[in-house]
């Protein structure tokens, strides 16, 4: 259930960032949107794969999950650092 809430909240943030990008043309808002979309991809891929494959190969699931969320958060950091540019 927590993964579903995380996915929903990140999709909301991604949509808000995309809408802000369309309104302002600031690339930082595009980076924000991409960052939260990658976080959603990590959480969704892990959730779906875990149930499809019966939680086999947990190391691989955690690697994909943490990798995509880390890359996503790097995009969020990039959007904050470069907001004024």
Protein backbone atom coordinates (compact mmCIF):
# COMPACT_ATOMS: atom_id res chain seq x y z
CA UNK A 1 0.00 0.00 0.00
CA UNK A 2 2.83 2.40 0.76
CA UNK A 3 4.29 1.83 -2.72
CA UNK A 4 0.95 2.76 -4.28
CA UNK A 5 0.81 5.98 -2.23
CA UNK A 6 4.42 6.77 -3.18
CA UNK A 7 3.65 6.18 -6.87
CA UNK A 8 0.53 8.36 -6.73
CA UNK A 9 2.30 11.22 -4.97
CA UNK A 10 5.29 11.11 -7.33
CA UNK A 11 3.01 11.04 -10.37
CA UNK A 12 1.25 14.10 -8.97
CA UNK A 13 4.57 15.91 -8.50
CA UNK A 14 5.71 14.88 -11.97
CA UNK A 15 2.51 16.23 -13.48
CA UNK A 16 2.81 19.47 -11.56
CA UNK A 17 6.41 19.88 -12.74
CA UNK A 18 5.42 19.22 -16.34
CA UNK A 19 2.59 21.73 -16.13
CA UNK A 20 4.97 24.31 -14.63
CA UNK A 21 7.43 23.63 -17.45
CA UNK A 22 4.75 24.19 -20.07
CA UNK A 23 3.71 27.45 -18.41
CA UNK A 24 7.19 28.86 -17.71
CA UNK A 25 9.57 27.03 -20.10
CA UNK A 26 12.05 26.63 -17.22
CA UNK A 27 14.20 23.57 -17.75
CA UNK A 28 14.40 23.11 -14.00
CA UNK A 29 10.71 22.21 -13.99
CA UNK A 30 11.34 19.66 -16.72
CA UNK A 31 14.17 18.17 -14.62
CA UNK A 32 11.82 18.05 -11.64
CA UNK A 33 9.21 16.22 -13.67
CA UNK A 34 11.75 13.73 -15.03
CA UNK A 35 13.13 13.12 -11.54
CA UNK A 36 9.78 12.21 -10.06
CA UNK A 37 8.90 10.12 -13.13
CA UNK A 38 12.09 8.08 -12.63
CA UNK A 39 11.23 7.61 -8.96
CA UNK A 40 7.81 6.32 -10.03
CA UNK A 41 9.44 4.00 -12.56
CA UNK A 42 11.67 2.54 -9.85
CA UNK A 43 8.85 1.98 -7.41
CA UNK A 44 6.43 0.61 -10.02
CA UNK A 45 9.01 -1.70 -11.62
CA UNK A 46 9.93 -3.10 -8.23
CA UNK A 47 6.32 -3.58 -7.16
CA UNK A 48 5.26 -5.27 -10.40
CA UNK A 49 8.38 -7.44 -10.69
CA UNK A 50 8.19 -8.54 -7.08
CA UNK A 51 4.70 -9.93 -7.49
CA UNK A 52 5.26 -11.35 -10.97
CA UNK A 53 8.38 -13.26 -9.97
CA UNK A 54 7.41 -14.12 -6.41
CA UNK A 55 10.06 -11.95 -4.79
CA UNK A 56 12.86 -14.03 -6.32
CA UNK A 57 16.23 -12.33 -6.71
CA UNK A 58 15.60 -9.62 -4.14
CA UNK A 59 19.05 -8.11 -4.69
CA UNK A 60 18.20 -7.32 -8.29
CA UNK A 61 14.87 -5.81 -7.28
CA UNK A 62 16.54 -3.58 -4.71
CA UNK A 63 19.26 -2.56 -7.17
CA UNK A 64 16.73 -1.47 -9.77
CA UNK A 65 14.58 0.25 -7.15
CA UNK A 66 17.37 2.18 -5.48
CA UNK A 67 19.09 2.94 -8.79
CA UNK A 68 16.08 4.54 -10.43
CA UNK A 69 15.09 6.44 -7.31
CA UNK A 70 18.66 7.71 -6.89
CA UNK A 71 18.84 8.91 -10.48
CA UNK A 72 15.41 10.50 -10.07
CA UNK A 73 16.46 12.34 -6.93
CA UNK A 74 19.60 13.57 -8.71
CA UNK A 75 17.31 15.15 -11.29
CA UNK A 76 15.29 16.75 -8.48
CA UNK A 77 18.50 18.12 -6.97
CA UNK A 78 19.52 19.41 -10.40
CA UNK A 79 16.19 21.21 -10.71
CA UNK A 80 16.72 22.91 -7.34
CA UNK A 81 20.34 23.87 -8.00
CA UNK A 82 19.61 25.25 -11.47
CA UNK A 83 16.26 26.89 -10.71
CA UNK A 84 17.41 30.46 -11.38
CA UNK A 85 19.26 29.64 -14.59
